[in-house]
């Protein structure tokens, strides 16, 4: 288990009021002899604290205060440091940000007493090649290949383990993780997958053919994608965007890196699903 003495905090940059939540968190942490610092490089009107890289090196655990998007951004930015993370939910759904502001005291006490669960969430890694230049990408939820034009379809050519597999005529294609299965994937008709599984999800968006159905693969497969008929975009976790042109390629595979997320031991994933989606009510 972890010896937690130092926690680094990252705020949702666009919300000034979250600084008060940070001060509340810091005050409670002092009760348990936990030192707290804040990321000053991405927080509005915050002059104290450390740069993001300094914060990651200094911390035993990283914490996001915001919604799931803030936590996802933190995971991707801190991926090379492999630090455990938990999120304080100040957003709406909160699939990943499991702790509420009024639960901080009890949760920190459990952390100090090693009374918590920690799960590894699979990440996808991408290699985007354009004009003979390779760029490495990571996603927590999904890589989305999307058309740039307002009307018409995109033609996405896919390979699995180097062999031609399919050509998707659609508005786009989601290449997702189990963690992301309850995000954009479910809106596009994909299945919800237990988030601690290791799978790669392929979910077409508004496909032209009724036979183009979502596909769930094991994590052993290497995928490759290109577009044939128009300019497209690769959107990473809904946060970053890259132009995807003809003759560019995107290779996707299960990353050796993972996201280590801390949860309350009492948290039940299926109860979270029922609550968030209103099932059985």
Protein backbone atom coordinates (compact mmCIF):
# COMPACT_ATOMS: atom_id res chain seq x y z
CA UNK A 1 0.00 0.00 0.00
CA UNK A 2 0.98 3.63 -0.32
CA UNK A 3 2.70 5.84 2.22
CA UNK A 4 0.78 9.05 1.54
CA UNK A 5 2.33 12.22 2.94
CA UNK A 6 2.28 14.59 -0.04
CA UNK A 7 -0.64 15.27 -2.39
CA UNK A 8 -0.52 17.40 -5.53
CA UNK A 9 -3.77 19.09 -6.58
CA UNK A 10 -4.87 20.09 -10.08
CA UNK A 11 -7.94 22.27 -10.59
CA UNK A 12 -10.26 22.56 -13.56
CA UNK A 13 -8.67 25.68 -15.11
CA UNK A 14 -11.88 27.42 -16.20
CA UNK A 15 -13.59 27.52 -12.78
CA UNK A 16 -12.31 30.18 -10.39
CA UNK A 17 -14.52 29.01 -7.52
CA UNK A 18 -12.65 25.69 -7.29
CA UNK A 19 -9.77 27.42 -5.54
CA UNK A 20 -11.98 27.61 -2.43
CA UNK A 21 -12.50 23.85 -2.73
CA UNK A 22 -8.72 23.43 -2.87
CA UNK A 23 -8.32 25.45 0.34
CA UNK A 24 -10.95 23.26 2.03
CA UNK A 25 -9.12 20.14 0.88
CA UNK A 26 -5.77 21.49 2.10
CA UNK A 27 -7.18 22.36 5.52
CA UNK A 28 -8.67 18.89 5.99
CA UNK A 29 -5.44 17.23 4.82
CA UNK A 30 -3.48 19.02 7.54
CA UNK A 31 -5.48 17.04 10.14
CA UNK A 32 -3.84 13.88 8.80
CA UNK A 33 -0.32 15.35 8.46
CA UNK A 34 -0.59 15.41 4.69
CA UNK A 35 1.21 18.20 2.85
CA UNK A 36 -0.67 19.65 -0.12
CA UNK A 37 0.59 21.71 -3.08
CA UNK A 38 -1.23 23.02 -6.14
CA UNK A 39 -0.38 23.14 -9.84
CA UNK A 40 0.18 26.83 -10.50
CA UNK A 41 0.94 26.52 -14.20
CA UNK A 42 -2.59 25.59 -15.32
CA UNK A 43 -4.74 27.29 -12.67
CA UNK A 44 -6.30 30.72 -13.17
CA UNK A 45 -5.18 33.43 -10.74
CA UNK A 46 -3.08 31.00 -8.67
CA UNK A 47 0.41 32.26 -7.84
CA UNK A 48 1.38 29.74 -5.17
CA UNK A 49 2.38 26.14 -5.69
CA UNK A 50 4.63 24.27 -8.11
CA UNK A 51 4.90 23.81 -11.84
CA UNK A 52 3.11 20.73 -13.12
CA UNK A 53 6.27 18.67 -13.59
CA UNK A 54 7.60 19.67 -10.17
CA UNK A 55 4.24 18.77 -8.63
CA UNK A 56 4.24 15.30 -10.21
CA UNK A 57 7.77 14.57 -9.01
CA UNK A 58 7.05 15.85 -5.49
CA UNK A 59 3.70 14.13 -4.88
CA UNK A 60 2.88 10.68 -3.57
CA UNK A 61 -0.63 11.01 -5.00
CA UNK A 62 -2.23 13.40 -7.50
CA UNK A 63 -5.76 14.76 -7.09
CA UNK A 64 -8.03 16.51 -9.58
CA UNK A 65 -10.77 18.87 -8.44
CA UNK A 66 -13.38 19.21 -11.17
CA UNK A 67 -15.19 16.67 -13.29
CA UNK A 68 -14.22 13.55 -15.21
CA UNK A 69 -12.68 15.72 -17.94
CA UNK A 70 -10.28 17.29 -15.45
CA UNK A 71 -9.25 13.85 -14.20
CA UNK A 72 -8.76 12.53 -17.74
CA UNK A 73 -6.58 15.53 -18.58
CA UNK A 74 -4.51 14.89 -15.44
CA UNK A 75 -4.03 11.21 -16.32
CA UNK A 76 -2.77 12.05 -19.80
CA UNK A 77 -0.48 14.86 -18.65
CA UNK A 78 1.06 12.82 -15.82
CA UNK A 79 1.36 9.53 -17.67
CA UNK A 80 5.17 9.39 -17.52
CA UNK A 81 5.17 9.74 -13.71
CA UNK A 82 2.89 6.73 -13.00
CA UNK A 83 1.42 8.33 -9.86
CA UNK A 84 -1.83 7.10 -8.24
CA UNK A 85 -4.70 9.52 -8.79
CA UNK A 86 -8.14 10.20 -7.40
CA UNK A 87 -10.71 12.79 -8.33
CA UNK A 88 -12.97 15.08 -6.32
CA UNK A 89 -16.20 15.40 -8.24
CA UNK A 90 -17.38 18.95 -8.84
CA UNK A 91 -18.99 18.04 -12.16
CA UNK A 92 -22.13 16.14 -13.13
CA UNK A 93 -21.87 12.40 -13.77
CA UNK A 94 -18.60 11.56 -12.05
CA UNK A 95 -17.84 8.03 -13.28
CA UNK A 96 -14.14 8.46 -12.50
CA UNK A 97 -14.22 11.28 -9.94
CA UNK A 98 -15.68 9.27 -7.10
CA UNK A 99 -15.16 11.54 -4.07
CA UNK A 100 -17.51 14.41 -3.22
CA UNK A 101 -16.34 17.56 -1.46
CA UNK A 102 -18.24 16.71 1.73
CA UNK A 103 -16.55 13.27 1.82
CA UNK A 104 -12.96 14.55 1.85
CA UNK A 105 -12.43 14.11 5.60
CA UNK A 106 -13.53 10.48 5.73
CA UNK A 107 -11.74 9.64 2.48
CA UNK A 108 -8.40 11.09 3.61
CA UNK A 109 -8.69 9.18 6.87
CA UNK A 110 -9.14 5.99 4.87
CA UNK A 111 -6.13 6.86 2.73
CA UNK A 112 -3.91 7.27 5.78
CA UNK A 113 -5.21 3.96 7.17
CA UNK A 114 -4.65 2.16 3.84
CA UNK A 115 -8.37 1.49 3.66
CA UNK A 116 -8.99 2.01 -0.05
CA UNK A 117 -8.99 0.24 -3.40
CA UNK A 118 -6.68 0.99 -6.32
CA UNK A 119 -7.47 -0.18 -9.84
CA UNK A 120 -5.49 -0.09 -13.05
CA UNK A 121 -7.31 1.40 -16.04
CA UNK A 122 -6.08 0.43 -19.48
CA UNK A 123 -4.88 3.19 -21.81
CA UNK A 124 -4.64 3.19 -25.58
CA UNK A 125 -1.47 4.31 -27.29
CA UNK A 126 -1.38 5.74 -30.78
CA UNK A 127 1.30 6.38 -33.37
CA UNK A 128 0.18 9.05 -35.81
CA UNK A 129 2.29 9.31 -38.95
CA UNK A 130 2.01 12.36 -41.23
CA UNK A 131 4.62 13.41 -43.80
CA UNK A 132 7.02 10.80 -42.37
CA UNK A 133 6.82 12.36 -38.91
CA UNK A 134 5.56 10.13 -36.08
CA UNK A 135 3.72 11.53 -33.08
CA UNK A 136 2.92 9.43 -30.01
CA UNK A 137 -0.58 9.74 -28.55
CA UNK A 138 -2.36 8.41 -25.47
CA UNK A 139 -6.04 8.26 -24.60
CA UNK A 140 -8.03 7.34 -21.50
CA UNK A 141 -11.47 7.12 -23.12
CA UNK A 142 -11.15 7.12 -26.89
CA UNK A 143 -9.54 8.15 -30.12
CA UNK A 144 -12.33 9.50 -32.32
CA UNK A 145 -11.86 9.65 -36.08
CA UNK A 146 -14.39 12.22 -37.25
CA UNK A 147 -15.26 13.93 -40.50
CA UNK A 148 -14.49 17.64 -40.87
CA UNK A 149 -17.10 18.32 -43.53
CA UNK A 150 -20.66 19.22 -42.53
CA UNK A 151 -22.36 16.71 -44.85
CA UNK A 152 -21.29 13.47 -46.45
CA UNK A 153 -19.55 10.44 -45.02
CA UNK A 154 -15.98 9.63 -44.17
CA UNK A 155 -14.28 6.52 -45.54
CA UNK A 156 -12.10 4.91 -42.86
CA UNK A 157 -9.91 1.97 -43.87
CA UNK A 158 -8.95 -0.33 -41.02
CA UNK A 159 -6.38 -3.09 -40.56
CA UNK A 160 -5.97 -5.58 -37.72
CA UNK A 161 -2.49 -7.02 -37.16
CA UNK A 162 -1.41 -5.67 -40.54
CA UNK A 163 -4.25 -7.27 -42.54
CA UNK A 164 -7.12 -5.40 -44.15
CA UNK A 165 -10.24 -5.73 -42.00
CA UNK A 166 -12.96 -3.26 -42.96
CA UNK A 167 -13.86 0.01 -44.61
CA UNK A 168 -16.20 2.11 -42.50
CA UNK A 169 -18.51 4.49 -44.37
CA UNK A 170 -19.84 6.59 -41.52
CA UNK A 171 -19.75 9.92 -39.71
CA UNK A 172 -16.81 8.62 -37.70
CA UNK A 173 -15.29 5.78 -35.71
CA UNK A 174 -14.61 5.47 -31.98
CA UNK A 175 -11.55 3.47 -30.94
CA UNK A 176 -12.16 3.21 -27.22
CA UNK A 177 -11.18 1.69 -23.90
CA UNK A 178 -13.42 -0.06 -21.35
CA UNK A 179 -13.10 3.08 -19.21
CA UNK A 180 -14.47 5.13 -22.09
CA UNK A 181 -17.26 2.68 -22.89
CA UNK A 182 -19.72 4.68 -20.75
CA UNK A 183 -18.77 7.96 -22.47
CA UNK A 184 -19.22 8.83 -26.18
CA UNK A 185 -19.19 5.11 -27.01
CA UNK A 186 -22.54 4.46 -25.34
CA UNK A 187 -24.15 7.40 -27.16
CA UNK A 188 -23.05 5.83 -30.45
CA UNK A 189 -24.66 2.49 -29.58
CA UNK A 190 -21.61 0.72 -28.18
CA UNK A 191 -21.66 -1.67 -25.25
CA UNK A 192 -20.73 -0.76 -21.69
CA UNK A 193 -17.64 -2.77 -20.74
CA UNK A 194 -16.39 -3.37 -17.20
CA UNK A 195 -13.78 -0.61 -16.84
CA UNK A 196 -11.00 -2.82 -15.44
CA UNK A 197 -11.09 -5.19 -18.41
CA UNK A 198 -8.48 -4.96 -21.15
CA UNK A 199 -10.31 -4.55 -24.43
CA UNK A 200 -10.26 -2.33 -27.50
CA UNK A 201 -13.68 -1.12 -28.65
CA UNK A 202 -14.51 -0.22 -32.25
CA UNK A 203 -17.80 1.66 -32.56
CA UNK A 204 -18.88 3.24 -35.86
CA UNK A 205 -20.91 6.45 -35.71
CA UNK A 206 -24.00 6.53 -37.95
CA UNK A 207 -22.63 3.88 -40.32
CA UNK A 208 -24.03 3.76 -43.87
CA UNK A 209 -24.52 -0.03 -43.64
CA UNK A 210 -26.69 -1.85 -41.11
CA UNK A 211 -24.03 -4.59 -40.93
CA UNK A 212 -21.43 -2.21 -39.47
CA UNK A 213 -21.76 -3.04 -35.78
CA UNK A 214 -19.68 -2.28 -32.69
CA UNK A 215 -16.82 -4.70 -32.09
CA UNK A 216 -15.02 -5.59 -28.85
CA UNK A 217 -11.47 -6.95 -29.20
CA UNK A 218 -8.89 -8.30 -26.78
CA UNK A 219 -5.95 -6.03 -26.02
CA UNK A 220 -3.53 -8.18 -28.04
CA UNK A 221 -4.48 -6.68 -31.41
CA UNK A 222 -2.67 -3.91 -33.27
CA UNK A 223 -4.95 -1.66 -35.30
CA UNK A 224 -4.22 0.73 -38.15
CA UNK A 225 -6.46 3.35 -39.73
CA UNK A 226 -6.36 5.68 -42.71
CA UNK A 227 -8.91 7.87 -44.48
CA UNK A 228 -9.53 7.81 -48.20
CA UNK A 229 -12.06 10.37 -49.32
CA UNK A 230 -11.90 13.58 -47.28
CA UNK A 231 -10.15 15.48 -44.55
CA UNK A 232 -10.83 14.13 -41.10
CA UNK A 233 -9.83 14.77 -37.50
CA UNK A 234 -8.52 12.64 -34.67
CA UNK A 235 -10.05 13.84 -31.41
CA UNK A 236 -8.36 12.54 -28.26
CA UNK A 237 -10.62 12.19 -25.21
CA UNK A 238 -12.63 15.17 -26.48
CA UNK A 239 -9.72 17.44 -25.52
CA UNK A 240 -7.10 17.51 -28.29
CA UNK A 241 -7.57 17.48 -32.04
CA UNK A 242 -5.27 16.54 -34.93
CA UNK A 243 -5.90 16.89 -38.66
CA UNK A 244 -6.09 13.46 -40.31
CA UNK A 245 -5.50 13.59 -44.07
CA UNK A 246 -5.20 11.11 -46.89
CA UNK A 247 -1.85 9.26 -46.73
CA UNK A 248 -1.67 9.78 -42.93
CA UNK A 249 -1.94 6.69 -40.71
CA UNK A 250 -2.99 6.09 -37.13
CA UNK A 251 -1.76 2.93 -35.40
CA UNK A 252 -3.52 2.04 -32.14
CA UNK A 253 -2.64 -0.59 -29.55
CA UNK A 254 -2.97 -1.27 -25.84
CA UNK A 255 -0.39 0.77 -23.97
CA UNK A 256 2.02 -0.76 -21.47
CA UNK A 257 1.27 2.29 -19.33
CA UNK A 258 -1.92 2.46 -17.29
CA UNK A 259 -3.85 4.84 -15.06
CA UNK A 260 -3.82 3.96 -11.35
CA UNK A 261 -7.02 5.29 -9.80
CA UNK A 262 -7.86 5.25 -6.09
CA UNK A 263 -11.42 4.57 -4.95
CA UNK A 264 -13.30 4.10 -1.72
CA UNK A 265 -13.51 0.39 -0.91
CA UNK A 266 -17.26 0.71 -0.56
CA UNK A 267 -17.67 1.90 -4.15
CA UNK A 268 -19.65 -0.55 -6.27
CA UNK A 269 -19.26 -0.02 -10.02
CA UNK A 270 -22.63 -1.53 -10.88
CA UNK A 271 -24.36 0.65 -8.34
CA UNK A 272 -22.62 3.64 -9.92
CA UNK A 273 -24.03 2.59 -13.31
CA UNK A 274 -27.50 2.22 -11.87
CA UNK A 275 -27.34 5.61 -10.17
CA UNK A 276 -25.83 7.56 -13.09
CA UNK A 277 -28.11 6.08 -15.74
CA UNK A 278 -31.22 5.85 -13.59
CA UNK A 279 -31.62 2.12 -14.13
CA UNK A 280 -34.34 0.35 -12.17
CA UNK A 281 -35.82 3.58 -10.84
